Amino acid sequence: MDAAKDPNPSCKLHTRLRLWEFADRYIFEPIDGLADLYLSVSRAGGSMNLVEELPPRSPSTNPKVQTVYGVIGVLKLAVGSYFFVVTDRDCVGSYLGHAIFKVTGLKVLRCNDSLNTSFEQKKMESEISELLDAAEKTMGLYFSYDINLTLNSQRLYDVDDEFKSRPLWRQAEPRFLWNSYLLEPLIENKLDQYLLPVIQGRFSEYPGRSWVREGKCDPDST
């Protein structure tokens, strides 16, 4: 059985997204050819839905635009919701023929009901950024768009085709999935193509491939 077999095309993760920052919403536009629908996120409360087109644009709207490489998840707090997106990545090797990427850039997108940022919100956002920086620098955050990094090669060879046809987040071993808590809002909205499993650890390809994997992100630490 081929452990490197591609997952069901309908479950394939988006590898590149154009992020549009409108005044009232964020829009994630797939630019990898995998889907025609866009993910719209309200900047007021973080609600999500799929839309068929971008909002009307004019010189007065002038949204910021940048390319991102995945959504790590959503942190819901009393002061609002925060979307974490990958803004930079480095390909560090391969695992059973599939590319492995290290997160080298992250961005926090704030969604709350207040148009103005309070002192408490600024403090919280600073603490969140420090938490992400620490995770990124201490051990490193890694992901693949195509293969489950939470299982070793032997376990991957042993699983059947039905298991490998599931979305990657459903294949993942929870104790090694760093962003399992952060993915819950996306899971609730059935956004499989945006659910990017991330692990924290170290990866070395030579001599021999080896993983050192850590546990989950602890939301209570924020």
N, C-alpha and C. Protein backbone atom coordinates (compact mmCIF):
# COMPACT_ATOMS: atom_id res chain seq x y z
N MET A 1 0.85 -1.20 0.00
CA MET A 1 0.00 0.00 0.00
C MET A 1 0.88 1.24 0.00
N ASP A 2 0.60 2.18 -0.82
CA ASP A 2 1.46 3.35 -1.00
C ASP A 2 1.13 4.42 0.02
N ALA A 3 2.06 4.65 0.97
CA ALA A 3 1.82 5.65 2.01
C ALA A 3 1.87 7.06 1.47
N ALA A 4 2.48 7.22 0.30
CA ALA A 4 2.59 8.56 -0.26
C ALA A 4 1.45 8.90 -1.20
N LYS A 5 0.45 8.05 -1.25
CA LYS A 5 -0.70 8.29 -2.14
C LYS A 5 -1.38 9.60 -1.79
N ASP A 6 -1.76 10.36 -2.80
CA ASP A 6 -2.42 11.64 -2.58
C ASP A 6 -3.78 11.44 -1.95
N PRO A 7 -4.18 12.38 -1.07
CA PRO A 7 -5.52 12.29 -0.49
C PRO A 7 -6.58 12.63 -1.51
N ASN A 8 -7.82 12.40 -1.12
CA ASN A 8 -8.96 12.76 -1.96
C ASN A 8 -8.81 14.21 -2.44
N PRO A 9 -8.88 14.48 -3.75
CA PRO A 9 -8.71 15.84 -4.26
C PRO A 9 -9.63 16.85 -3.59
N SER A 10 -10.84 16.44 -3.21
CA SER A 10 -11.77 17.38 -2.58
C SER A 10 -11.32 17.79 -1.19
N CYS A 11 -10.37 17.04 -0.62
CA CYS A 11 -9.87 17.34 0.73
C CYS A 11 -8.49 17.99 0.70
N LYS A 12 -7.93 18.19 -0.48
CA LYS A 12 -6.58 18.75 -0.55
C LYS A 12 -6.56 20.16 0.02
N LEU A 13 -5.50 20.43 0.77
CA LEU A 13 -5.36 21.73 1.42
C LEU A 13 -4.95 22.81 0.43
N HIS A 14 -5.42 24.01 0.69
CA HIS A 14 -4.97 25.15 -0.11
C HIS A 14 -3.51 25.45 0.22
N THR A 15 -2.70 25.61 -0.81
CA THR A 15 -1.27 25.86 -0.62
C THR A 15 -0.91 27.34 -0.73
N ARG A 16 -1.75 28.10 -1.41
CA ARG A 16 -1.51 29.55 -1.56
C ARG A 16 -2.84 30.26 -1.57
N LEU A 17 -2.92 31.34 -0.80
CA LEU A 17 -4.14 32.13 -0.69
C LEU A 17 -3.79 33.61 -0.80
N ARG A 18 -4.67 34.34 -1.47
CA ARG A 18 -4.53 35.80 -1.49
C ARG A 18 -5.41 36.37 -0.38
N LEU A 19 -4.79 37.04 0.56
CA LEU A 19 -5.52 37.63 1.69
C LEU A 19 -5.87 39.08 1.37
N TRP A 20 -7.18 39.36 1.34
CA TRP A 20 -7.69 40.71 1.14
C TRP A 20 -8.19 41.24 2.48
N GLU A 21 -7.70 42.40 2.88
CA GLU A 21 -8.12 43.00 4.14
C GLU A 21 -9.05 44.18 3.87
N PHE A 22 -10.35 43.90 3.81
CA PHE A 22 -11.35 44.95 3.64
C PHE A 22 -11.69 45.55 5.00
N ALA A 23 -12.38 46.66 4.99
CA ALA A 23 -12.71 47.35 6.24
C ALA A 23 -13.59 46.51 7.15
N ASP A 24 -14.48 45.70 6.56
CA ASP A 24 -15.42 44.93 7.38
C ASP A 24 -15.18 43.43 7.39
N ARG A 25 -14.23 42.96 6.57
CA ARG A 25 -14.01 41.52 6.49
C ARG A 25 -12.62 41.21 5.94
N TYR A 26 -12.19 40.00 6.20
CA TYR A 26 -11.01 39.42 5.54
C TYR A 26 -11.52 38.41 4.52
N ILE A 27 -10.90 38.41 3.34
CA ILE A 27 -11.25 37.43 2.32
C ILE A 27 -10.00 36.62 1.97
N PHE A 28 -10.13 35.28 2.02
CA PHE A 28 -9.06 34.39 1.59
C PHE A 28 -9.42 33.83 0.22
N GLU A 29 -8.68 34.24 -0.77
CA GLU A 29 -8.93 33.82 -2.16
C GLU A 29 -7.94 32.72 -2.56
N PRO A 30 -8.40 31.49 -2.81
CA PRO A 30 -7.48 30.44 -3.25
C PRO A 30 -6.86 30.80 -4.60
N ILE A 31 -5.54 30.69 -4.69
CA ILE A 31 -4.86 30.97 -5.95
C ILE A 31 -4.03 29.77 -6.38
N ASP A 32 -4.45 28.57 -5.90
CA ASP A 32 -3.76 27.33 -6.25
C ASP A 32 -4.59 26.47 -7.20
N GLY A 33 -5.76 26.99 -7.62
CA GLY A 33 -6.59 26.26 -8.56
C GLY A 33 -7.40 25.13 -7.97
N LEU A 34 -7.47 25.04 -6.62
CA LEU A 34 -8.17 23.92 -5.99
C LEU A 34 -9.64 24.21 -5.70
N ALA A 35 -10.07 25.47 -5.78
CA ALA A 35 -11.47 25.79 -5.48
C ALA A 35 -11.81 27.15 -6.05
N ASP A 36 -13.11 27.37 -6.27
CA ASP A 36 -13.59 28.64 -6.78
C ASP A 36 -14.21 29.52 -5.70
N LEU A 37 -14.46 28.95 -4.53
CA LEU A 37 -15.09 29.71 -3.45
C LEU A 37 -14.05 30.38 -2.57
N TYR A 38 -14.40 31.54 -2.05
CA TYR A 38 -13.52 32.30 -1.17
C TYR A 38 -14.02 32.18 0.27
N LEU A 39 -13.07 32.22 1.21
CA LEU A 39 -13.44 32.23 2.63
C LEU A 39 -13.54 33.67 3.10
N SER A 40 -14.72 34.04 3.60
CA SER A 40 -14.96 35.39 4.11
C SER A 40 -15.05 35.32 5.64
N VAL A 41 -14.31 36.23 6.31
CA VAL A 41 -14.27 36.28 7.78
C VAL A 41 -14.64 37.68 8.23
N SER A 42 -15.66 37.79 9.04
CA SER A 42 -16.10 39.09 9.55
C SER A 42 -15.06 39.66 10.51
N ARG A 43 -14.70 40.93 10.31
CA ARG A 43 -13.77 41.58 11.23
C ARG A 43 -14.47 42.01 12.51
N ALA A 44 -15.79 41.97 12.52
CA ALA A 44 -16.54 42.38 13.72
C ALA A 44 -16.56 41.27 14.76
N GLY A 45 -16.84 40.03 14.33
CA GLY A 45 -16.97 38.96 15.31
C GLY A 45 -16.28 37.66 14.95
N GLY A 46 -15.67 37.59 13.76
CA GLY A 46 -14.96 36.37 13.37
C GLY A 46 -15.82 35.31 12.72
N SER A 47 -17.09 35.61 12.40
CA SER A 47 -17.93 34.61 11.73
C SER A 47 -17.39 34.33 10.34
N MET A 48 -17.59 33.08 9.87
CA MET A 48 -16.99 32.63 8.61
C MET A 48 -18.05 32.08 7.67
N ASN A 49 -17.87 32.31 6.39
CA ASN A 49 -18.70 31.66 5.37
C ASN A 49 -17.98 31.70 4.04
N LEU A 50 -18.36 30.80 3.15
CA LEU A 50 -17.77 30.74 1.81
C LEU A 50 -18.59 31.61 0.86
N VAL A 51 -17.92 32.38 0.02
CA VAL A 51 -18.58 33.27 -0.93
C VAL A 51 -18.04 33.01 -2.33
N GLU A 52 -18.79 33.44 -3.32
CA GLU A 52 -18.44 33.15 -4.71
C GLU A 52 -17.59 34.23 -5.35
N GLU A 53 -17.57 35.41 -4.76
CA GLU A 53 -16.79 36.49 -5.38
C GLU A 53 -16.33 37.49 -4.33
N LEU A 54 -15.40 38.32 -4.72
CA LEU A 54 -14.91 39.38 -3.84
C LEU A 54 -15.92 40.50 -3.74
N PRO A 55 -15.92 41.24 -2.63
CA PRO A 55 -16.78 42.42 -2.53
C PRO A 55 -16.39 43.45 -3.59
N PRO A 56 -17.30 44.36 -3.93
CA PRO A 56 -16.95 45.43 -4.89
C PRO A 56 -15.76 46.24 -4.38
N ARG A 57 -14.88 46.60 -5.30
CA ARG A 57 -13.69 47.37 -4.93
C ARG A 57 -13.70 48.70 -5.66
N SER A 58 -13.15 49.70 -5.00
CA SER A 58 -13.04 51.03 -5.59
C SER A 58 -11.81 51.70 -4.97
N PRO A 59 -11.37 52.83 -5.54
CA PRO A 59 -10.22 53.53 -4.95
C PRO A 59 -10.43 53.88 -3.48
N SER A 60 -11.69 54.05 -3.07
CA SER A 60 -11.96 54.43 -1.67
C SER A 60 -11.79 53.25 -0.71
N THR A 61 -12.02 52.00 -1.21
CA THR A 61 -11.88 50.85 -0.34
C THR A 61 -10.41 50.48 -0.13
N ASN A 62 -9.68 50.37 -1.23
CA ASN A 62 -8.23 50.17 -1.21
C ASN A 62 -7.80 49.11 -0.18
N PRO A 63 -8.24 47.85 -0.32
CA PRO A 63 -7.86 46.83 0.66
C PRO A 63 -6.39 46.44 0.54
N LYS A 64 -5.80 46.09 1.67
CA LYS A 64 -4.45 45.52 1.66
C LYS A 64 -4.53 44.11 1.09
N VAL A 65 -3.49 43.72 0.34
CA VAL A 65 -3.48 42.39 -0.27
C VAL A 65 -2.09 41.77 -0.08
N GLN A 66 -2.07 40.49 0.30
CA GLN A 66 -0.81 39.77 0.37
C GLN A 66 -1.07 38.28 0.20
N THR A 67 -0.03 37.55 -0.16
CA THR A 67 -0.13 36.10 -0.30
C THR A 67 0.19 35.44 1.04
N VAL A 68 -0.65 34.48 1.44
CA VAL A 68 -0.39 33.69 2.64
C VAL A 68 -0.42 32.21 2.25
N TYR A 69 0.10 31.37 3.16
CA TYR A 69 0.32 29.97 2.80
C TYR A 69 -0.44 28.99 3.69
N GLY A 70 -1.41 29.50 4.43
CA GLY A 70 -2.23 28.62 5.23
C GLY A 70 -2.79 29.32 6.45
N VAL A 71 -3.85 28.73 7.00
CA VAL A 71 -4.47 29.23 8.22
C VAL A 71 -4.15 28.25 9.35
N ILE A 72 -3.42 28.72 10.36
CA ILE A 72 -3.07 27.85 11.49
C ILE A 72 -4.27 27.62 12.39
N GLY A 73 -5.15 28.62 12.48
CA GLY A 73 -6.34 28.43 13.31
C GLY A 73 -6.87 29.74 13.86
N VAL A 74 -7.80 29.60 14.80
CA VAL A 74 -8.48 30.75 15.38
C VAL A 74 -8.46 30.63 16.89
N LEU A 75 -8.08 31.70 17.56
CA LEU A 75 -8.12 31.74 19.02
C LEU A 75 -9.27 32.65 19.43
N LYS A 76 -10.22 32.09 20.16
CA LYS A 76 -11.38 32.86 20.61
C LYS A 76 -11.18 33.25 22.06
N LEU A 77 -11.20 34.57 22.32
CA LEU A 77 -11.02 35.10 23.67
C LEU A 77 -12.15 36.08 23.98
N ALA A 78 -12.23 36.50 25.23
CA ALA A 78 -13.28 37.44 25.62
C ALA A 78 -13.16 38.76 24.87
N VAL A 79 -11.94 39.16 24.53
CA VAL A 79 -11.74 40.45 23.85
C VAL A 79 -11.93 40.34 22.34
N GLY A 80 -12.12 39.12 21.82
CA GLY A 80 -12.33 38.95 20.38
C GLY A 80 -11.69 37.67 19.87
N SER A 81 -11.79 37.47 18.57
CA SER A 81 -11.19 36.31 17.92
C SER A 81 -9.95 36.73 17.15
N TYR A 82 -9.00 35.81 17.05
CA TYR A 82 -7.74 36.09 16.37
C TYR A 82 -7.43 34.94 15.41
N PHE A 83 -7.28 35.28 14.12
CA PHE A 83 -6.90 34.32 13.10
C PHE A 83 -5.38 34.35 12.94
N PHE A 84 -4.77 33.16 12.91
CA PHE A 84 -3.33 33.05 12.71
C PHE A 84 -3.08 32.50 11.30
N VAL A 85 -2.30 33.23 10.51
CA VAL A 85 -2.02 32.80 9.14
C VAL A 85 -0.51 32.74 8.91
N VAL A 86 -0.12 31.84 8.01
CA VAL A 86 1.29 31.68 7.64
C VAL A 86 1.63 32.65 6.51
N THR A 87 2.57 33.55 6.77
CA THR A 87 2.95 34.52 5.75
C THR A 87 4.25 34.14 5.04
N ASP A 88 5.03 33.26 5.65
CA ASP A 88 6.27 32.79 5.03
C ASP A 88 6.53 31.35 5.43
N ARG A 89 7.20 30.62 4.54
CA ARG A 89 7.50 29.21 4.79
C ARG A 89 8.80 28.86 4.09
N ASP A 90 9.53 27.90 4.64
CA ASP A 90 10.73 27.36 4.00
C ASP A 90 10.56 25.86 3.83
N CYS A 91 10.83 25.35 2.64
CA CYS A 91 10.82 23.91 2.42
C CYS A 91 12.12 23.34 3.00
N VAL A 92 12.00 22.46 4.00
CA VAL A 92 13.19 21.97 4.72
C VAL A 92 13.52 20.52 4.39
N GLY A 93 12.72 19.89 3.57
CA GLY A 93 12.98 18.50 3.21
C GLY A 93 11.72 17.82 2.74
N SER A 94 11.74 16.50 2.76
CA SER A 94 10.57 15.74 2.33
C SER A 94 10.37 14.54 3.24
N TYR A 95 9.15 14.04 3.26
CA TYR A 95 8.78 12.89 4.07
C TYR A 95 7.93 11.98 3.19
N LEU A 96 8.46 10.81 2.86
CA LEU A 96 7.78 9.88 1.96
C LEU A 96 7.38 10.55 0.65
N GLY A 97 8.28 11.39 0.16
CA GLY A 97 8.07 12.03 -1.14
C GLY A 97 7.26 13.30 -1.13
N HIS A 98 6.86 13.77 0.05
CA HIS A 98 6.05 14.98 0.15
C HIS A 98 6.83 16.09 0.87
N ALA A 99 6.69 17.30 0.38
CA ALA A 99 7.45 18.42 0.93
C ALA A 99 7.03 18.73 2.36
N ILE A 100 8.03 19.08 3.19
CA ILE A 100 7.79 19.53 4.55
C ILE A 100 8.23 20.99 4.63
N PHE A 101 7.38 21.82 5.24
CA PHE A 101 7.67 23.24 5.35
C PHE A 101 7.82 23.64 6.81
N LYS A 102 8.73 24.58 7.04
CA LYS A 102 8.86 25.21 8.35
C LYS A 102 8.23 26.59 8.29
N VAL A 103 7.45 26.93 9.30
CA VAL A 103 6.84 28.26 9.37
C VAL A 103 7.93 29.27 9.68
N THR A 104 8.07 30.29 8.82
CA THR A 104 9.07 31.34 9.06
C THR A 104 8.43 32.72 9.18
N GLY A 105 7.12 32.79 9.04
CA GLY A 105 6.42 34.06 9.21
C GLY A 105 4.96 33.83 9.57
N LEU A 106 4.49 34.58 10.56
CA LEU A 106 3.10 34.47 11.02
C LEU A 106 2.48 35.85 11.13
N LYS A 107 1.17 35.89 10.96
CA LYS A 107 0.43 37.14 11.11
C LYS A 107 -0.83 36.87 11.91
N VAL A 108 -1.17 37.81 12.80
CA VAL A 108 -2.39 37.70 13.60
C VAL A 108 -3.42 38.67 13.05
N LEU A 109 -4.61 38.18 12.72
CA LEU A 109 -5.71 39.01 12.21
C LEU A 109 -6.75 39.15 13.31
N ARG A 110 -7.00 40.37 13.74
CA ARG A 110 -7.93 40.61 14.85
C ARG A 110 -9.36 40.73 14.35
N CYS A 111 -10.29 40.10 15.06
CA CYS A 111 -11.72 40.21 14.76
C CYS A 111 -12.46 40.47 16.07
N ASN A 112 -12.98 41.67 16.24
CA ASN A 112 -13.82 41.95 17.42
C ASN A 112 -14.80 43.05 17.09
N ASP A 113 -15.71 43.34 18.01
CA ASP A 113 -16.79 44.28 17.75
C ASP A 113 -16.38 45.74 17.88
N SER A 114 -15.18 45.97 18.40
CA SER A 114 -14.74 47.34 18.61
C SER A 114 -13.90 47.82 17.43
N LEU A 115 -14.22 49.01 16.93
CA LEU A 115 -13.43 49.58 15.85
C LEU A 115 -12.09 50.10 16.35
N ASN A 116 -12.03 50.45 17.62
CA ASN A 116 -10.81 50.97 18.21
C ASN A 116 -10.18 49.91 19.12
N THR A 117 -8.88 49.84 19.09
CA THR A 117 -8.16 48.87 19.90
C THR A 117 -7.90 49.42 21.29
N SER A 118 -8.42 48.73 22.30
CA SER A 118 -8.22 49.17 23.68
C SER A 118 -6.83 48.77 24.17
N PHE A 119 -6.47 49.31 25.33
CA PHE A 119 -5.18 48.94 25.92
C PHE A 119 -5.12 47.44 26.20
N GLU A 120 -6.23 46.87 26.70
CA GLU A 120 -6.26 45.45 27.01
C GLU A 120 -6.08 44.60 25.75
N GLN A 121 -6.71 45.04 24.65
CA GLN A 121 -6.59 44.29 23.40
C GLN A 121 -5.16 44.36 22.87
N LYS A 122 -4.55 45.54 22.94
CA LYS A 122 -3.17 45.68 22.49
C LYS A 122 -2.24 44.80 23.32
N LYS A 123 -2.48 44.77 24.62
CA LYS A 123 -1.66 43.94 25.51
C LYS A 123 -1.83 42.47 25.17
N MET A 124 -3.08 42.05 24.95
CA MET A 124 -3.35 40.66 24.60
C MET A 124 -2.69 40.28 23.28
N GLU A 125 -2.80 41.15 22.28
CA GLU A 125 -2.20 40.88 20.98
C GLU A 125 -0.69 40.79 21.08
N SER A 126 -0.09 41.62 21.93
CA SER A 126 1.35 41.55 22.14
C SER A 126 1.74 40.22 22.76
N GLU A 127 0.95 39.76 23.73
CA GLU A 127 1.24 38.49 24.39
C GLU A 127 1.07 37.31 23.42
N ILE A 128 0.04 37.40 22.56
CA ILE A 128 -0.17 36.35 21.56
C ILE A 128 1.02 36.29 20.60
N SER A 129 1.48 37.45 20.13
CA SER A 129 2.62 37.49 19.21
C SER A 129 3.87 36.91 19.86
N GLU A 130 4.08 37.23 21.14
CA GLU A 130 5.23 36.69 21.86
C GLU A 130 5.13 35.17 21.99
N LEU A 131 3.92 34.67 22.23
CA LEU A 131 3.70 33.24 22.35
C LEU A 131 4.03 32.53 21.03
N LEU A 132 3.56 33.10 19.92
CA LEU A 132 3.83 32.51 18.61
C LEU A 132 5.31 32.57 18.27
N ASP A 133 5.95 33.70 18.58
CA ASP A 133 7.39 33.84 18.33
C ASP A 133 8.18 32.79 19.10
N ALA A 134 7.77 32.56 20.35
CA ALA A 134 8.47 31.58 21.18
C ALA A 134 8.32 30.18 20.60
N ALA A 135 7.10 29.84 20.16
CA ALA A 135 6.86 28.52 19.58
C ALA A 135 7.67 28.34 18.30
N GLU A 136 7.73 29.39 17.50
CA GLU A 136 8.41 29.33 16.22
C GLU A 136 9.92 29.18 16.40
N LYS A 137 10.48 29.88 17.41
CA LYS A 137 11.93 29.92 17.57
C LYS A 137 12.46 28.80 18.46
N THR A 138 11.67 28.35 19.44
CA THR A 138 12.17 27.37 20.39
C THR A 138 12.41 26.02 19.72
N MET A 139 11.39 25.47 19.10
CA MET A 139 11.50 24.16 18.46
C MET A 139 11.20 24.22 16.96
N GLY A 140 10.39 25.15 16.56
CA GLY A 140 10.00 25.24 15.17
C GLY A 140 8.62 24.66 14.94
N LEU A 141 7.87 25.28 14.02
CA LEU A 141 6.55 24.81 13.64
C LEU A 141 6.63 24.29 12.20
N TYR A 142 6.13 23.08 11.98
CA TYR A 142 6.26 22.43 10.68
C TYR A 142 4.90 21.94 10.18
N PHE A 143 4.79 21.82 8.85
CA PHE A 143 3.55 21.31 8.27
C PHE A 143 3.81 20.74 6.89
N SER A 144 2.87 19.96 6.43
CA SER A 144 2.85 19.47 5.05
C SER A 144 1.43 19.62 4.53
N TYR A 145 1.31 19.91 3.26
CA TYR A 145 -0.02 20.02 2.67
C TYR A 145 -0.57 18.65 2.26
N ASP A 146 0.30 17.64 2.22
CA ASP A 146 -0.08 16.38 1.58
C ASP A 146 0.01 15.14 2.46
N ILE A 147 0.76 15.18 3.55
CA ILE A 147 0.97 13.95 4.31
C ILE A 147 0.88 14.23 5.81
N ASN A 148 0.45 13.23 6.54
CA ASN A 148 0.27 13.32 7.99
C ASN A 148 1.62 13.23 8.69
N LEU A 149 2.07 14.32 9.29
CA LEU A 149 3.37 14.36 9.96
C LEU A 149 3.31 13.84 11.39
N THR A 150 2.13 13.53 11.90
CA THR A 150 2.02 13.07 13.29
C THR A 150 2.20 11.56 13.42
N LEU A 151 2.29 10.84 12.29
CA LEU A 151 2.51 9.40 12.32
C LEU A 151 3.86 9.06 11.71
N ASN A 152 4.51 8.03 12.26
CA ASN A 152 5.78 7.62 11.67
C ASN A 152 5.53 6.83 10.39
N SER A 153 6.58 6.55 9.64
CA SER A 153 6.44 5.94 8.33
C SER A 153 5.80 4.55 8.41
N GLN A 154 6.13 3.79 9.46
CA GLN A 154 5.56 2.44 9.58
C GLN A 154 4.05 2.50 9.77
N ARG A 155 3.59 3.41 10.63
CA ARG A 155 2.14 3.53 10.85
C ARG A 155 1.44 4.02 9.59
N LEU A 156 2.10 4.91 8.83
CA LEU A 156 1.50 5.38 7.58
C LEU A 156 1.35 4.26 6.57
N TYR A 157 2.32 3.35 6.52
CA TYR A 157 2.22 2.21 5.61
C TYR A 157 1.12 1.24 6.03
N ASP A 158 0.81 1.21 7.32
CA ASP A 158 -0.17 0.26 7.83
C ASP A 158 -1.62 0.71 7.67
N VAL A 159 -1.84 2.02 7.52
CA VAL A 159 -3.22 2.50 7.43
C VAL A 159 -3.80 2.22 6.05
N ASP A 160 -5.14 2.13 5.98
CA ASP A 160 -5.77 1.78 4.71
C ASP A 160 -6.13 3.03 3.90
N ASP A 161 -6.64 2.79 2.69
CA ASP A 161 -6.96 3.90 1.78
C ASP A 161 -8.06 4.79 2.33
N GLU A 162 -9.02 4.19 3.06
CA GLU A 162 -10.10 5.01 3.62
C GLU A 162 -9.53 6.03 4.60
N PHE A 163 -8.58 5.61 5.43
CA PHE A 163 -7.95 6.51 6.40
C PHE A 163 -7.23 7.64 5.66
N LYS A 164 -6.49 7.29 4.61
CA LYS A 164 -5.69 8.30 3.89
C LYS A 164 -6.56 9.22 3.04
N SER A 165 -7.83 8.85 2.81
CA SER A 165 -8.72 9.71 2.05
C SER A 165 -9.35 10.79 2.92
N ARG A 166 -9.17 10.68 4.24
CA ARG A 166 -9.74 11.68 5.15
C ARG A 166 -8.94 12.98 5.06
N PRO A 167 -9.56 14.10 5.43
CA PRO A 167 -8.80 15.35 5.54
C PRO A 167 -7.64 15.16 6.52
N LEU A 168 -6.53 15.87 6.30
CA LEU A 168 -5.34 15.67 7.12
C LEU A 168 -5.60 15.87 8.61
N TRP A 169 -6.46 16.84 8.95
CA TRP A 169 -6.69 17.09 10.37
C TRP A 169 -7.36 15.89 11.05
N ARG A 170 -8.15 15.13 10.28
CA ARG A 170 -8.81 13.95 10.85
C ARG A 170 -7.86 12.76 10.95
N GLN A 171 -6.77 12.77 10.19
CA GLN A 171 -5.77 11.72 10.27
C GLN A 171 -4.80 11.93 11.43
N ALA A 172 -4.68 13.16 11.88
CA ALA A 172 -3.61 13.53 12.81
C ALA A 172 -3.77 12.89 14.19
N GLU A 173 -2.64 12.53 14.78
CA GLU A 173 -2.59 12.06 16.17
C GLU A 173 -2.71 13.28 17.07
N PRO A 174 -3.80 13.40 17.86
CA PRO A 174 -4.07 14.64 18.61
C PRO A 174 -2.92 15.09 19.51
N ARG A 175 -2.17 14.15 20.12
CA ARG A 175 -1.14 14.56 21.07
C ARG A 175 0.04 15.24 20.40
N PHE A 176 0.19 15.07 19.08
CA PHE A 176 1.27 15.73 18.35
C PHE A 176 0.79 16.93 17.52
N LEU A 177 -0.50 17.17 17.53
CA LEU A 177 -1.05 18.26 16.72
C LEU A 177 -1.00 19.56 17.53
N TRP A 178 -0.06 20.41 17.22
CA TRP A 178 0.19 21.62 18.01
C TRP A 178 -1.01 22.55 18.01
N ASN A 179 -1.71 22.66 16.91
CA ASN A 179 -2.79 23.64 16.78
C ASN A 179 -4.19 23.00 16.83
N SER A 180 -4.34 21.87 17.51
CA SER A 180 -5.64 21.19 17.53
C SER A 180 -6.73 22.09 18.10
N TYR A 181 -6.44 22.81 19.18
CA TYR A 181 -7.44 23.71 19.77
C TYR A 181 -7.78 24.85 18.82
N LEU A 182 -6.77 25.37 18.14
CA LEU A 182 -6.97 26.52 17.24
C LEU A 182 -7.79 26.14 16.01
N LEU A 183 -7.80 24.87 15.64
CA LEU A 183 -8.53 24.43 14.45
C LEU A 183 -10.02 24.24 14.70
N GLU A 184 -10.43 24.18 15.96
CA GLU A 184 -11.83 23.85 16.26
C GLU A 184 -12.85 24.76 15.59
N PRO A 185 -12.66 26.10 15.57
CA PRO A 185 -13.65 26.95 14.87
C PRO A 185 -13.75 26.64 13.38
N LEU A 186 -12.64 26.27 12.75
CA LEU A 186 -12.65 25.92 11.33
C LEU A 186 -13.34 24.58 11.12
N ILE A 187 -13.12 23.64 12.04
CA ILE A 187 -13.78 22.34 11.96
C ILE A 187 -15.30 22.51 12.07
N GLU A 188 -15.72 23.36 13.02
CA GLU A 188 -17.15 23.60 13.20
C GLU A 188 -17.80 24.16 11.95
N ASN A 189 -17.04 24.90 11.15
CA ASN A 189 -17.55 25.48 9.92
C ASN A 189 -17.28 24.61 8.69
N LYS A 190 -16.76 23.40 8.92
CA LYS A 190 -16.53 22.41 7.86
C LYS A 190 -15.65 22.97 6.73
N LEU A 191 -14.55 23.60 7.14
CA LEU A 191 -13.63 24.22 6.18
C LEU A 191 -12.38 23.34 6.01
N ASP A 192 -12.60 22.10 5.55
CA ASP A 192 -11.52 21.12 5.49
C ASP A 192 -10.31 21.60 4.69
N GLN A 193 -10.54 22.34 3.60
CA GLN A 193 -9.42 22.74 2.75
C GLN A 193 -8.57 23.86 3.37
N TYR A 194 -9.03 24.40 4.50
CA TYR A 194 -8.28 25.45 5.20
C TYR A 194 -7.67 24.94 6.50
N LEU A 195 -7.91 23.69 6.86
CA LEU A 195 -7.49 23.14 8.15
C LEU A 195 -6.07 22.59 8.04
N LEU A 196 -5.09 23.42 8.34
CA LEU A 196 -3.68 23.08 8.18
C LEU A 196 -3.10 22.52 9.48
N PRO A 197 -2.84 21.20 9.56
CA PRO A 197 -2.26 20.64 10.78
C PRO A 197 -0.80 21.07 10.93
N VAL A 198 -0.44 21.50 12.13
CA VAL A 198 0.92 21.98 12.41
C VAL A 198 1.47 21.20 13.59
N ILE A 199 2.74 20.81 13.49
CA ILE A 199 3.39 20.18 14.64
C ILE A 199 4.57 21.05 15.06
N GLN A 200 4.94 20.92 16.33
CA GLN A 200 6.09 21.64 16.84
C GLN A 200 7.18 20.62 17.13
N GLY A 201 8.41 20.92 16.70
CA GLY A 201 9.49 19.98 16.95
C GLY A 201 10.73 20.34 16.17
N ARG A 202 11.53 19.32 15.88
CA ARG A 202 12.74 19.49 15.06
C ARG A 202 12.73 18.41 13.99
N PHE A 203 13.21 18.77 12.81
CA PHE A 203 13.26 17.82 11.71
C PHE A 203 14.66 17.84 11.12
N SER A 204 15.24 16.65 10.95
CA SER A 204 16.53 16.55 10.25
C SER A 204 16.40 15.48 9.19
N GLU A 205 16.87 15.81 8.00
CA GLU A 205 16.74 14.86 6.88
C GLU A 205 18.00 14.03 6.69
N TYR A 206 19.15 14.57 7.08
CA TYR A 206 20.42 13.86 6.93
C TYR A 206 21.24 14.02 8.19
N PRO A 207 21.87 12.96 8.72
CA PRO A 207 21.79 11.58 8.21
C PRO A 207 20.52 10.89 8.70
N GLY A 208 19.72 10.42 7.81
CA GLY A 208 18.46 9.76 8.17
C GLY A 208 17.41 10.76 8.60
N ARG A 209 16.17 10.46 8.31
CA ARG A 209 15.09 11.35 8.73
C ARG A 209 14.74 11.07 10.18
N SER A 210 14.52 12.12 10.93
CA SER A 210 14.09 11.93 12.32
C SER A 210 13.25 13.11 12.75
N TRP A 211 12.28 12.81 13.60
CA TRP A 211 11.41 13.83 14.15
C TRP A 211 11.58 13.87 15.66
N VAL A 212 11.58 15.06 16.21
CA VAL A 212 11.39 15.24 17.64
C VAL A 212 10.15 16.11 17.76
N ARG A 213 9.06 15.55 18.26
CA ARG A 213 7.78 16.26 18.25
C ARG A 213 7.35 16.61 19.67
N GLU A 214 6.83 17.81 19.79
CA GLU A 214 6.31 18.26 21.07
C GLU A 214 4.79 18.13 21.06
N GLY A 215 4.15 18.54 22.16
CA GLY A 215 2.70 18.42 22.27
C GLY A 215 1.96 19.61 21.74
N LYS A 216 0.75 19.81 22.26
CA LYS A 216 -0.18 20.82 21.75
C LYS A 216 0.16 22.22 22.23
N CYS A 217 -0.36 23.19 21.52
CA CYS A 217 -0.40 24.56 22.00
C CYS A 217 -1.39 24.61 23.17
N ASP A 218 -1.01 25.28 24.25
CA ASP A 218 -1.88 25.37 25.41
C ASP A 218 -2.60 26.70 25.40
N PRO A 219 -3.89 26.73 25.06
CA PRO A 219 -4.61 28.01 24.99
C PRO A 219 -4.70 28.71 26.33
N ASP A 220 -4.63 27.95 27.43
CA ASP A 220 -4.74 28.57 28.74
C ASP A 220 -3.52 29.44 29.07
N SER A 221 -2.42 29.20 28.35
CA SER A 221 -1.23 30.00 28.65
C SER A 221 -1.36 31.43 28.20
N THR A 222 -2.40 31.73 27.37
CA THR A 222 -2.62 33.10 26.95
C THR A 222 -3.45 33.83 28.00
